[in-house]
Amino acid sequence: MFQLAPKNTKTEPMRDVLAKTLIELAKENENIVVLDADLIGASGLKAFQKAFPERTFDCGIQEGNMVGVAAGLSENGLIPFTHTFSCFAGRKCIDQAFLSASYAGLNIKMIGSDGAVTATTNGGSHQGMEDMGIFRNLNNITIVEPTDANMLRALLPAIVDSYGVFYIRQFRRCTDAVYTEDSTFTLGKGNLLRDGSDATIIAAGIEVPEALKAAELLAEEGLQIRVVDMFTWKPLDEELIVDCASKTGAIVTAENHCLATGLGSAVASVVTKTVPVPMEMIGVDEQYGEVGDLNYLMKKFNLTAEDIAAKVKKAIARKGR
């Protein structure tokens, strides 16, 4: 069960929670190992390296090879966690993720950090807008975007215990706290954060706090908006999507990702086959990233609560046509 955190609270940096949690899990499970692609300082996993130097491998700037090495470790019974920035995880690792991990039926947990606009001043070359969509093409993969550090901490034990290929997209720094520290979650099931009857916002990652703010803005106008946190992109919670479409009659998706292959298209594939309703999508549309702080980039790419609220009103207006 989960509980929403008080408003305007922050979590620990996600990278610190990643390292601390993996260290605790590794104390109990000697098969957990970590691989990094020359970013061990940026990832926070230097703490894991200090605790378990013999179980930490810096593969250098060879992201694809890192996944290949992880496959060999998995083949020998270990549980490898790989890390690089999301842009490299998607663009440079897909061949090895396909052949050496998914096709081979191995047990590899791939982490891509700082997806899309959360890469901020690293700029357009490092803002991986397409990573989740790339990995959606693989069979037998679980794709997760933890909403905050409290969710990441809660999900990692289940990820360790679940055999198979995972792609975990996470922010490195502090996040808005959406959930309390004692919250628990189920992989493959979305969370209903707020109920409503006029429309549904299905959001993921940094867009979840924005979706909640948008619902509050719309409540001031008399609109009751359901908000869903769809933190597992694959397998998708189709039952919840159908329920939202049936009960609210309009859906808006919100993601920090390109629209062409992202959460919106995944949700739309369910809606069109089951309960066709008006849909609108928030995300990065045919644009490359650029240098800027997070607030600037959220406005630049129309990812704010105000942008979501405008799309919700547009979807509701289409309900009567």
C-alpha atoms as a PDB file:
ATOM      1  CA  MET A   1       0.000   0.000   0.000  1.00  0.00           C
ATOM      2  CA  PHE A   2       1.131   3.543  -0.606  1.00  0.00           C
ATOM      3  CA  GLN A   3       0.482   6.928   0.943  1.00  0.00           C
ATOM      4  CA  LEU A   4       1.031  10.333  -0.606  1.00  0.00           C
ATOM      5  CA  ALA A   5       3.751  12.440   0.970  1.00  0.00           C
ATOM      6  CA  PRO A   6       3.029  15.921   2.330  1.00  0.00           C
ATOM      7  CA  LYS A   7       3.173  18.621  -0.323  1.00  0.00           C
ATOM      8  CA  ASN A   8       6.406  20.452  -1.052  1.00  0.00           C
ATOM      9  CA  THR A   9       8.685  17.831   0.469  1.00  0.00           C
ATOM     10  CA  LYS A  10      11.830  16.414  -1.113  1.00  0.00           C
ATOM     11  CA  THR A  11      13.476  13.000  -1.042  1.00  0.00           C
ATOM     12  CA  GLU A  12      17.119  12.073  -0.786  1.00  0.00           C
ATOM     13  CA  PRO A  13      18.960  12.129  -4.115  1.00  0.00           C
ATOM     14  CA  MET A  14      17.917   9.089  -6.113  1.00  0.00           C
ATOM     15  CA  ARG A  15      21.519   8.056  -6.776  1.00  0.00           C
ATOM     16  CA  ASP A  16      22.215   7.963  -3.018  1.00  0.00           C
ATOM     17  CA  VAL A  17      19.140   5.827  -2.422  1.00  0.00           C
ATOM     18  CA  LEU A  18      20.168   3.520  -5.283  1.00  0.00           C
ATOM     19  CA  ALA A  19      23.614   2.936  -3.782  1.00  0.00           C
ATOM     20  CA  LYS A  20      22.419   2.560  -0.184  1.00  0.00           C
ATOM     21  CA  THR A  21      19.665   0.125  -1.113  1.00  0.00           C
ATOM     22  CA  LEU A  22      21.876  -2.006  -3.358  1.00  0.00           C
ATOM     23  CA  ILE A  23      24.488  -2.173  -0.597  1.00  0.00           C
ATOM     24  CA  GLU A  24      21.900  -3.434   1.888  1.00  0.00           C
ATOM     25  CA  LEU A  25      20.555  -5.965  -0.612  1.00  0.00           C
ATOM     26  CA  ALA A  26      24.069  -7.103  -1.515  1.00  0.00           C
ATOM     27  CA  LYS A  27      24.830  -7.846   2.137  1.00  0.00           C
ATOM     28  CA  GLU A  28      22.078 -10.465   1.997  1.00  0.00           C
ATOM     29  CA  ASN A  29      22.579 -11.599  -1.614  1.00  0.00           C
ATOM     30  CA  GLU A  30      26.149 -12.312  -2.674  1.00  0.00           C
ATOM     31  CA  ASN A  31      25.135 -12.589  -6.327  1.00  0.00           C
ATOM     32  CA  ILE A  32      24.437  -8.861  -6.781  1.00  0.00           C
ATOM     33  CA  VAL A  33      27.154  -7.104  -8.801  1.00  0.00           C
ATOM     34  CA  VAL A  34      27.380  -3.603 -10.288  1.00  0.00           C
ATOM     35  CA  LEU A  35      28.774  -2.471 -13.646  1.00  0.00           C
ATOM     36  CA  ASP A  36      29.247   1.134 -14.712  1.00  0.00           C
ATOM     37  CA  ALA A  37      30.372   2.843 -17.917  1.00  0.00           C
ATOM     38  CA  ASP A  38      32.864   5.401 -16.588  1.00  0.00           C
ATOM     39  CA  LEU A  39      30.150   7.224 -14.611  1.00  0.00           C
ATOM     40  CA  ILE A  40      30.568   5.629 -11.204  1.00  0.00           C
ATOM     41  CA  GLY A  41      30.964   9.017  -9.538  1.00  0.00           C
ATOM     42  CA  ALA A  42      27.923  10.465 -11.264  1.00  0.00           C
ATOM     43  CA  SER A  43      25.793   7.396 -10.552  1.00  0.00           C
ATOM     44  CA  GLY A  44      26.451   7.382  -6.819  1.00  0.00           C
ATOM     45  CA  LEU A  45      27.641   3.785  -7.124  1.00  0.00           C
ATOM     46  CA  LYS A  46      31.119   4.652  -5.868  1.00  0.00           C
ATOM     47  CA  ALA A  47      29.650   3.905  -2.442  1.00  0.00           C
ATOM     48  CA  PHE A  48      28.816   0.376  -3.630  1.00  0.00           C
ATOM     49  CA  GLN A  49      32.343   0.064  -5.027  1.00  0.00           C
ATOM     50  CA  LYS A  50      33.786   1.024  -1.648  1.00  0.00           C
ATOM     51  CA  ALA A  51      31.595  -1.537   0.130  1.00  0.00           C
ATOM     52  CA  PHE A  52      32.104  -4.314  -2.436  1.00  0.00           C
ATOM     53  CA  PRO A  53      35.179  -3.585  -4.588  1.00  0.00           C
ATOM     54  CA  GLU A  54      35.359  -7.175  -5.822  1.00  0.00           C
ATOM     55  CA  ARG A  55      31.746  -6.986  -7.023  1.00  0.00           C
ATOM     56  CA  THR A  56      32.045  -3.673  -8.892  1.00  0.00           C
ATOM     57  CA  PHE A  57      33.239  -3.354 -12.503  1.00  0.00           C
ATOM     58  CA  ASP A  58      33.929  -0.059 -14.262  1.00  0.00           C
ATOM     59  CA  CYS A  59      33.727  -1.022 -17.927  1.00  0.00           C
ATOM     60  CA  GLY A  60      34.827   2.372 -19.229  1.00  0.00           C
ATOM     61  CA  ILE A  61      33.128   4.200 -22.081  1.00  0.00           C
ATOM     62  CA  GLN A  62      31.923   0.943 -23.637  1.00  0.00           C
ATOM     63  CA  GLU A  63      28.222   0.902 -22.870  1.00  0.00           C
ATOM     64  CA  GLY A  64      27.265  -1.912 -25.217  1.00  0.00           C
ATOM     65  CA  ASN A  65      30.184  -4.032 -24.094  1.00  0.00           C
ATOM     66  CA  MET A  66      29.100  -3.434 -20.483  1.00  0.00           C
ATOM     67  CA  VAL A  67      25.766  -5.131 -21.197  1.00  0.00           C
ATOM     68  CA  GLY A  68      27.630  -7.980 -22.905  1.00  0.00           C
ATOM     69  CA  VAL A  69      29.808  -8.417 -19.817  1.00  0.00           C
ATOM     70  CA  ALA A  70      26.662  -8.350 -17.674  1.00  0.00           C
ATOM     71  CA  ALA A  71      25.252 -11.148 -19.827  1.00  0.00           C
ATOM     72  CA  GLY A  72      28.284 -13.294 -19.106  1.00  0.00           C
ATOM     73  CA  LEU A  73      27.953 -12.621 -15.392  1.00  0.00           C
ATOM     74  CA  SER A  74      24.245 -13.470 -15.506  1.00  0.00           C
ATOM     75  CA  GLU A  75      25.002 -16.689 -17.378  1.00  0.00           C
ATOM     76  CA  ASN A  76      27.138 -17.661 -14.390  1.00  0.00           C
ATOM     77  CA  GLY A  77      24.385 -17.054 -11.857  1.00  0.00           C
ATOM     78  CA  LEU A  78      25.083 -13.460 -10.828  1.00  0.00           C
ATOM     79  CA  ILE A  79      22.584 -10.574 -10.775  1.00  0.00           C
ATOM     80  CA  PRO A  80      24.224  -7.664 -12.612  1.00  0.00           C
ATOM     81  CA  PHE A  81      23.047  -4.064 -12.382  1.00  0.00           C
ATOM     82  CA  THR A  82      24.439  -1.886 -15.174  1.00  0.00           C
ATOM     83  CA  HIS A  83      24.427   1.914 -15.214  1.00  0.00           C
ATOM     84  CA  THR A  84      24.943   4.667 -17.740  1.00  0.00           C
ATOM     85  CA  PHE A  85      23.093   7.816 -18.717  1.00  0.00           C
ATOM     86  CA  SER A  86      19.714   7.133 -20.349  1.00  0.00           C
ATOM     87  CA  CYS A  87      20.854   8.502 -23.708  1.00  0.00           C
ATOM     88  CA  PHE A  88      23.636   5.911 -23.895  1.00  0.00           C
ATOM     89  CA  ALA A  89      21.520   3.135 -22.397  1.00  0.00           C
ATOM     90  CA  GLY A  90      19.000   3.474 -25.209  1.00  0.00           C
ATOM     91  CA  ARG A  91      21.146   4.394 -28.195  1.00  0.00           C
ATOM     92  CA  LYS A  92      24.277   2.348 -27.513  1.00  0.00           C
ATOM     93  CA  CYS A  93      23.083  -0.758 -25.666  1.00  0.00           C
ATOM     94  CA  ILE A  94      20.059  -1.892 -27.657  1.00  0.00           C
ATOM     95  CA  ASP A  95      21.845  -4.564 -29.724  1.00  0.00           C
ATOM     96  CA  GLN A  96      23.362  -6.232 -26.670  1.00  0.00           C
ATOM     97  CA  ALA A  97      20.130  -5.750 -24.722  1.00  0.00           C
ATOM     98  CA  PHE A  98      18.300  -7.546 -27.521  1.00  0.00           C
ATOM     99  CA  LEU A  99      20.714 -10.407 -28.273  1.00  0.00           C
ATOM    100  CA  SER A 100      22.730 -10.909 -25.110  1.00  0.00           C
ATOM    101  CA  ALA A 101      19.988 -10.136 -22.580  1.00  0.00           C
ATOM    102  CA  SER A 102      16.403 -10.486 -23.822  1.00  0.00           C
ATOM    103  CA  TYR A 103      16.865 -13.036 -26.631  1.00  0.00           C
ATOM    104  CA  ALA A 104      19.166 -15.082 -24.415  1.00  0.00           C
ATOM    105  CA  GLY A 105      16.632 -15.032 -21.574  1.00  0.00           C
ATOM    106  CA  LEU A 106      19.091 -13.750 -18.988  1.00  0.00           C
ATOM    107  CA  ASN A 107      18.786 -11.801 -15.745  1.00  0.00           C
ATOM    108  CA  ILE A 108      20.133  -8.268 -16.226  1.00  0.00           C
ATOM    109  CA  LYS A 109      18.991  -5.026 -14.591  1.00  0.00           C
ATOM    110  CA  MET A 110      19.902  -1.990 -16.726  1.00  0.00           C
ATOM    111  CA  ILE A 111      19.741   1.495 -15.201  1.00  0.00           C
ATOM    112  CA  GLY A 112      19.575   4.637 -17.323  1.00  0.00           C
ATOM    113  CA  SER A 113      19.825   7.868 -15.356  1.00  0.00           C
ATOM    114  CA  ASP A 114      18.720  11.419 -16.126  1.00  0.00           C
ATOM    115  CA  GLY A 115      16.211  10.785 -18.883  1.00  0.00           C
ATOM    116  CA  ALA A 116      15.186  13.581 -21.242  1.00  0.00           C
ATOM    117  CA  VAL A 117      14.963  17.048 -19.652  1.00  0.00           C
ATOM    118  CA  THR A 118      16.318  15.855 -16.287  1.00  0.00           C
ATOM    119  CA  ALA A 119      19.775  15.823 -17.928  1.00  0.00           C
ATOM    120  CA  THR A 120      19.456  19.652 -17.796  1.00  0.00           C
ATOM    121  CA  THR A 121      22.824  21.322 -18.504  1.00  0.00           C
ATOM    122  CA  ASN A 122      24.286  18.242 -20.191  1.00  0.00           C
ATOM    123  CA  GLY A 123      22.299  19.445 -23.178  1.00  0.00           C
ATOM    124  CA  GLY A 124      20.593  17.940 -26.190  1.00  0.00           C
ATOM    125  CA  SER A 125      23.193  15.270 -26.912  1.00  0.00           C
ATOM    126  CA  HIS A 126      22.691  13.789 -23.435  1.00  0.00           C
ATOM    127  CA  GLN A 127      18.943  14.218 -23.064  1.00  0.00           C
ATOM    128  CA  GLY A 128      17.692  10.733 -23.844  1.00  0.00           C
ATOM    129  CA  MET A 129      14.183  11.443 -25.086  1.00  0.00           C
ATOM    130  CA  GLU A 130      13.714   8.017 -26.660  1.00  0.00           C
ATOM    131  CA  ASP A 131      15.196   5.398 -24.322  1.00  0.00           C
ATOM    132  CA  MET A 132      11.964   3.929 -22.933  1.00  0.00           C
ATOM    133  CA  GLY A 133      10.494   3.660 -26.416  1.00  0.00           C
ATOM    134  CA  ILE A 134      13.581   1.861 -27.692  1.00  0.00           C
ATOM    135  CA  PHE A 135      13.382  -0.734 -24.923  1.00  0.00           C
ATOM    136  CA  ARG A 136       9.616  -1.174 -25.381  1.00  0.00           C
ATOM    137  CA  ASN A 137      10.498  -3.113 -28.550  1.00  0.00           C
ATOM    138  CA  LEU A 138      12.087  -5.943 -26.585  1.00  0.00           C
ATOM    139  CA  ASN A 139      10.181  -9.049 -25.553  1.00  0.00           C
ATOM    140  CA  ASN A 140      10.157 -10.186 -21.942  1.00  0.00           C
ATOM    141  CA  ILE A 141      11.449  -6.913 -20.506  1.00  0.00           C
ATOM    142  CA  THR A 142      10.128  -4.940 -17.552  1.00  0.00           C
ATOM    143  CA  ILE A 143      10.430  -1.164 -17.956  1.00  0.00           C
ATOM    144  CA  VAL A 144      10.142   0.961 -14.829  1.00  0.00           C
ATOM    145  CA  GLU A 145      10.397   4.688 -14.139  1.00  0.00           C
ATOM    146  CA  PRO A 146      10.376   5.184 -10.355  1.00  0.00           C
ATOM    147  CA  THR A 147       8.434   8.313  -9.460  1.00  0.00           C
ATOM    148  CA  ASP A 148      10.590   9.318  -6.525  1.00  0.00           C
ATOM    149  CA  ALA A 149      13.438   7.974  -4.410  1.00  0.00           C
ATOM    150  CA  ASN A 150      11.015   6.380  -1.945  1.00  0.00           C
ATOM    151  CA  MET A 151       9.546   4.301  -4.747  1.00  0.00           C
ATOM    152  CA  LEU A 152      12.999   3.340  -6.014  1.00  0.00           C
ATOM    153  CA  ARG A 153      13.959   2.111  -2.542  1.00  0.00           C
ATOM    154  CA  ALA A 154      10.767   0.056  -2.296  1.00  0.00           C
ATOM    155  CA  LEU A 155      11.008  -1.460  -5.783  1.00  0.00           C
ATOM    156  CA  LEU A 156      14.642  -2.587  -5.779  1.00  0.00           C
ATOM    157  CA  PRO A 157      14.097  -5.733  -3.641  1.00  0.00           C
ATOM    158  CA  ALA A 158      11.357  -6.902  -6.014  1.00  0.00           C
ATOM    159  CA  ILE A 159      13.565  -6.147  -9.009  1.00  0.00           C
ATOM    160  CA  VAL A 160      16.375  -8.239  -7.502  1.00  0.00           C
ATOM    161  CA  ASP A 161      13.972 -11.103  -6.804  1.00  0.00           C
ATOM    162  CA  SER A 162      12.361 -11.003 -10.268  1.00  0.00           C
ATOM    163  CA  TYR A 163      14.335 -12.987 -12.835  1.00  0.00           C
ATOM    164  CA  GLY A 164      14.581 -11.276 -16.200  1.00  0.00           C
ATOM    165  CA  VAL A 165      15.651  -8.179 -18.090  1.00  0.00           C
ATOM    166  CA  PHE A 166      14.772  -4.794 -16.574  1.00  0.00           C
ATOM    167  CA  TYR A 167      15.258  -1.241 -17.730  1.00  0.00           C
ATOM    168  CA  ILE A 168      15.043   1.237 -14.863  1.00  0.00           C
ATOM    169  CA  ARG A 169      14.992   4.925 -15.714  1.00  0.00           C
ATOM    170  CA  GLN A 170      15.814   7.147 -12.769  1.00  0.00           C
ATOM    171  CA  PHE A 171      16.617  10.724 -11.874  1.00  0.00           C
ATOM    172  CA  ARG A 172      19.980  11.156 -10.118  1.00  0.00           C
ATOM    173  CA  ARG A 173      19.211  14.106  -7.888  1.00  0.00           C
ATOM    174  CA  CYS A 174      16.578  15.021  -5.288  1.00  0.00           C
ATOM    175  CA  THR A 175      12.995  14.532  -6.360  1.00  0.00           C
ATOM    176  CA  ASP A 176       9.663  15.875  -5.221  1.00  0.00           C
ATOM    177  CA  ALA A 177       8.367  13.363  -2.697  1.00  0.00           C
ATOM    178  CA  VAL A 178       5.167  11.857  -4.078  1.00  0.00           C
ATOM    179  CA  TYR A 179       5.088   8.902  -1.660  1.00  0.00           C
ATOM    180  CA  THR A 180       5.960   8.342   1.978  1.00  0.00           C
ATOM    181  CA  GLU A 181       9.008   6.265   2.883  1.00  0.00           C
ATOM    182  CA  ASP A 182       6.909   3.301   4.063  1.00  0.00           C
ATOM    183  CA  SER A 183       4.925   2.989   0.819  1.00  0.00           C
ATOM    184  CA  THR A 184       4.950  -0.278  -1.126  1.00  0.00           C
ATOM    185  CA  PHE A 185       4.271  -0.917  -4.805  1.00  0.00           C
ATOM    186  CA  THR A 186       3.523  -3.718  -7.245  1.00  0.00           C
ATOM    187  CA  LEU A 187       5.457  -3.962 -10.498  1.00  0.00           C
ATOM    188  CA  GLY A 188       3.085  -3.851 -13.461  1.00  0.00           C
ATOM    189  CA  LYS A 189       0.288  -2.087 -11.576  1.00  0.00           C
ATOM    190  CA  GLY A 190      -0.409   1.626 -11.822  1.00  0.00           C
ATOM    191  CA  ASN A 191      -1.309   3.703  -8.781  1.00  0.00           C
ATOM    192  CA  LEU A 192      -4.555   5.643  -8.555  1.00  0.00           C
ATOM    193  CA  LEU A 193      -3.449   8.816  -6.758  1.00  0.00           C
ATOM    194  CA  ARG A 194      -6.618  10.881  -7.098  1.00  0.00           C
ATOM    195  CA  ASP A 195     -10.095   9.929  -8.233  1.00  0.00           C
ATOM    196  CA  GLY A 196     -12.315  11.918 -10.553  1.00  0.00           C
ATOM    197  CA  SER A 197     -15.028  11.568 -13.166  1.00  0.00           C
ATOM    198  CA  ASP A 198     -14.324  14.198 -15.844  1.00  0.00           C
ATOM    199  CA  ALA A 199     -11.007  12.931 -17.259  1.00  0.00           C
ATOM    200  CA  THR A 200      -7.897  10.934 -16.356  1.00  0.00           C
ATOM    201  CA  ILE A 201      -4.264  11.990 -16.396  1.00  0.00           C
ATOM    202  CA  ILE A 202      -1.917   9.014 -16.755  1.00  0.00           C
ATOM    203  CA  ALA A 203       1.576  10.220 -15.890  1.00  0.00           C
ATOM    204  CA  ALA A 204       5.054   8.864 -15.196  1.00  0.00           C
ATOM    205  CA  GLY A 205       8.268  10.074 -13.615  1.00  0.00           C
ATOM    206  CA  ILE A 206       8.673  13.798 -13.027  1.00  0.00           C
ATOM    207  CA  GLU A 207       5.288  14.364 -14.672  1.00  0.00           C
ATOM    208  CA  VAL A 208       3.429  12.753 -11.768  1.00  0.00           C
ATOM    209  CA  PRO A 209       3.808  15.770  -9.430  1.00  0.00           C
ATOM    210  CA  GLU A 210       2.855  18.012 -12.353  1.00  0.00           C
ATOM    211  CA  ALA A 211      -0.253  15.897 -12.993  1.00  0.00           C
ATOM    212  CA  LEU A 212      -1.322  16.263  -9.365  1.00  0.00           C
ATOM    213  CA  LYS A 213      -0.837  20.034  -9.575  1.00  0.00           C
ATOM    214  CA  ALA A 214      -2.846  20.113 -12.811  1.00  0.00           C
ATOM    215  CA  ALA A 215      -5.707  18.241 -11.130  1.00  0.00           C
ATOM    216  CA  GLU A 216      -5.728  20.848  -8.360  1.00  0.00           C
ATOM    217  CA  LEU A 217      -5.797  23.691 -10.885  1.00  0.00           C
ATOM    218  CA  LEU A 218      -8.728  22.080 -12.678  1.00  0.00           C
ATOM    219  CA  ALA A 219     -10.576  21.438  -9.406  1.00  0.00           C
ATOM    220  CA  GLU A 220     -10.682  25.215  -8.950  1.00  0.00           C
ATOM    221  CA  GLU A 221     -12.713  25.276 -12.189  1.00  0.00           C
ATOM    222  CA  GLY A 222     -15.072  22.562 -10.961  1.00  0.00           C
ATOM    223  CA  LEU A 223     -13.478  19.662 -12.848  1.00  0.00           C
ATOM    224  CA  GLN A 224     -12.793  16.370 -11.071  1.00  0.00           C
ATOM    225  CA  ILE A 225      -9.724  14.730 -12.555  1.00  0.00           C
ATOM    226  CA  ARG A 226      -8.430  11.235 -11.907  1.00  0.00           C
ATOM    227  CA  VAL A 227      -4.615  10.941 -11.667  1.00  0.00           C
ATOM    228  CA  VAL A 228      -2.738   7.691 -12.271  1.00  0.00           C
ATOM    229  CA  ASP A 229       0.966   7.041 -11.771  1.00  0.00           C
ATOM    230  CA  MET A 230       1.941   4.543 -14.488  1.00  0.00           C
ATOM    231  CA  PHE A 231       5.452   3.835 -13.231  1.00  0.00           C
ATOM    232  CA  THR A 232       5.676   0.487 -15.037  1.00  0.00           C
ATOM    233  CA  TRP A 233       5.646   1.076 -18.784  1.00  0.00           C
ATOM    234  CA  LYS A 234       5.923  -2.622 -19.626  1.00  0.00           C
ATOM    235  CA  PRO A 235       4.033  -4.719 -18.760  1.00  0.00           C
ATOM    236  CA  LEU A 236       1.395  -2.005 -18.892  1.00  0.00           C
ATOM    237  CA  ASP A 237      -1.561  -2.023 -16.481  1.00  0.00           C
ATOM    238  CA  GLU A 238      -4.185  -2.419 -19.209  1.00  0.00           C
ATOM    239  CA  GLU A 239      -6.976  -3.180 -16.742  1.00  0.00           C
ATOM    240  CA  LEU A 240      -6.509   0.195 -15.040  1.00  0.00           C
ATOM    241  CA  ILE A 241      -6.358   2.025 -18.382  1.00  0.00           C
ATOM    242  CA  VAL A 242      -9.644   0.463 -19.485  1.00  0.00           C
ATOM    243  CA  ASP A 243     -11.222   1.381 -16.151  1.00  0.00           C
ATOM    244  CA  CYS A 244     -10.070   4.998 -16.536  1.00  0.00           C
ATOM    245  CA  ALA A 245     -11.390   5.240 -20.089  1.00  0.00           C
ATOM    246  CA  SER A 246     -14.717   3.707 -19.098  1.00  0.00           C
ATOM    247  CA  LYS A 247     -15.306   5.851 -16.013  1.00  0.00           C
ATOM    248  CA  THR A 248     -13.937   9.245 -17.092  1.00  0.00           C
ATOM    249  CA  GLY A 249     -14.351   9.222 -20.885  1.00  0.00           C
ATOM    250  CA  ALA A 250     -11.151  11.139 -21.652  1.00  0.00           C
ATOM    251  CA  ILE A 251      -7.441  10.511 -21.083  1.00  0.00           C
ATOM    252  CA  VAL A 252      -4.344  12.702 -21.112  1.00  0.00           C
ATOM    253  CA  THR A 253      -0.915  11.099 -20.863  1.00  0.00           C
ATOM    254  CA  ALA A 254       2.067  13.009 -19.482  1.00  0.00           C
ATOM    255  CA  GLU A 255       5.656  11.847 -19.901  1.00  0.00           C
ATOM    256  CA  ASN A 256       9.199  13.207 -19.950  1.00  0.00           C
ATOM    257  CA  HIS A 257       9.904  11.391 -23.219  1.00  0.00           C
ATOM    258  CA  CYS A 258       9.340  11.724 -26.948  1.00  0.00           C
ATOM    259  CA  LEU A 259       5.726  11.193 -27.967  1.00  0.00           C
ATOM    260  CA  ALA A 260       6.490   9.001 -30.974  1.00  0.00           C
ATOM    261  CA  THR A 261       7.257   5.852 -28.981  1.00  0.00           C
ATOM    262  CA  GLY A 262       6.418   6.705 -25.394  1.00  0.00           C
ATOM    263  CA  LEU A 263       3.800   6.195 -22.729  1.00  0.00           C
ATOM    264  CA  GLY A 264       1.128   8.008 -24.725  1.00  0.00           C
ATOM    265  CA  SER A 265       1.427   5.658 -27.669  1.00  0.00           C
ATOM    266  CA  ALA A 266       1.428   2.648 -25.340  1.00  0.00           C
ATOM    267  CA  VAL A 267      -1.752   3.824 -23.612  1.00  0.00           C
ATOM    268  CA  ALA A 268      -3.361   4.702 -26.951  1.00  0.00           C
ATOM    269  CA  SER A 269      -2.779   1.169 -28.229  1.00  0.00           C
ATOM    270  CA  VAL A 270      -4.880  -0.104 -25.339  1.00  0.00           C
ATOM    271  CA  VAL A 271      -7.585   2.558 -25.574  1.00  0.00           C
ATOM    272  CA  THR A 272      -8.165   2.162 -29.309  1.00  0.00           C
ATOM    273  CA  LYS A 273      -8.654  -1.580 -28.922  1.00  0.00           C
ATOM    274  CA  THR A 274     -10.955  -1.457 -25.905  1.00  0.00           C
ATOM    275  CA  VAL A 275     -12.745   1.774 -24.948  1.00  0.00           C
ATOM    276  CA  PRO A 276     -11.999   4.452 -27.572  1.00  0.00           C
ATOM    277  CA  VAL A 277     -12.172   7.869 -25.908  1.00  0.00           C
ATOM    278  CA  PRO A 278     -10.643  11.284 -26.673  1.00  0.00           C
ATOM    279  CA  MET A 279      -6.927  11.331 -25.853  1.00  0.00           C
ATOM    280  CA  GLU A 280      -4.322  14.077 -25.642  1.00  0.00           C
ATOM    281  CA  MET A 281      -0.616  13.682 -24.923  1.00  0.00           C
ATOM    282  CA  ILE A 282       2.009  15.688 -23.090  1.00  0.00           C
ATOM    283  CA  GLY A 283       5.627  14.957 -24.024  1.00  0.00           C
ATOM    284  CA  VAL A 284       8.469  16.063 -26.258  1.00  0.00           C
ATOM    285  CA  ASP A 285       7.185  16.323 -29.809  1.00  0.00           C
ATOM    286  CA  GLU A 286       9.744  16.140 -32.660  1.00  0.00           C
ATOM    287  CA  GLN A 287      12.353  18.212 -30.809  1.00  0.00           C
ATOM    288  CA  TYR A 288      15.885  17.728 -29.607  1.00  0.00           C
ATOM    289  CA  GLY A 289      16.928  18.829 -26.134  1.00  0.00           C
ATOM    290  CA  GLU A 290      18.976  21.858 -25.190  1.00  0.00           C
ATOM    291  CA  VAL A 291      20.982  23.234 -22.275  1.00  0.00           C
ATOM    292  CA  GLY A 292      18.983  24.697 -19.397  1.00  0.00           C
ATOM    293  CA  ASP A 293      17.851  24.170 -15.835  1.00  0.00           C
ATOM    294  CA  LEU A 294      14.892  21.910 -15.160  1.00  0.00           C
ATOM    295  CA  ASN A 295      12.305  24.664 -14.723  1.00  0.00           C
ATOM    296  CA  TYR A 296      13.316  26.278 -18.018  1.00  0.00           C
ATOM    297  CA  LEU A 297      13.218  22.973 -19.895  1.00  0.00           C
ATOM    298  CA  MET A 298       9.857  21.975 -18.427  1.00  0.00           C
ATOM    299  CA  LYS A 299       8.402  25.204 -19.805  1.00  0.00           C
ATOM    300  CA  LYS A 300      10.314  24.968 -23.088  1.00  0.00           C
ATOM    301  CA  PHE A 301       8.915  21.516 -23.858  1.00  0.00           C
ATOM    302  CA  ASN A 302       5.428  22.155 -22.444  1.00  0.00           C
ATOM    303  CA  LEU A 303       5.675  19.666 -19.590  1.00  0.00           C
ATOM    304  CA  THR A 304       4.261  21.842 -16.783  1.00  0.00           C
ATOM    305  CA  ALA A 305       1.082  21.467 -14.760  1.00  0.00           C
ATOM    306  CA  GLU A 306      -0.446  24.348 -16.727  1.00  0.00           C
ATOM    307  CA  ASP A 307       0.307  22.566 -20.004  1.00  0.00           C
ATOM    308  CA  ILE A 308      -1.282  19.370 -18.706  1.00  0.00           C
ATOM    309  CA  ALA A 309      -4.375  21.235 -17.510  1.00  0.00           C
ATOM    310  CA  ALA A 310      -4.825  22.818 -20.945  1.00  0.00           C
ATOM    311  CA  LYS A 311      -4.655  19.389 -22.614  1.00  0.00           C
ATOM    312  CA  VAL A 312      -7.185  17.989 -20.141  1.00  0.00           C
ATOM    313  CA  LYS A 313      -9.675  20.712 -20.990  1.00  0.00           C
ATOM    314  CA  LYS A 314      -9.102  20.023 -24.685  1.00  0.00           C
ATOM    315  CA  ALA A 315      -9.794  16.313 -24.196  1.00  0.00           C
ATOM    316  CA  ILE A 316     -12.928  17.018 -22.156  1.00  0.00           C
ATOM    317  CA  ALA A 317     -14.202  19.358 -24.874  1.00  0.00           C
ATOM    318  CA  ARG A 318     -13.909  16.528 -27.376  1.00  0.00           C
ATOM    319  CA  LYS A 319     -16.040  14.154 -25.284  1.00  0.00           C
ATOM    320  CA  GLY A 320     -19.309  15.557 -26.583  1.00  0.00           C
ATOM    321  CA  ARG A 321     -18.447  15.547 -30.258  1.00  0.00           C
END
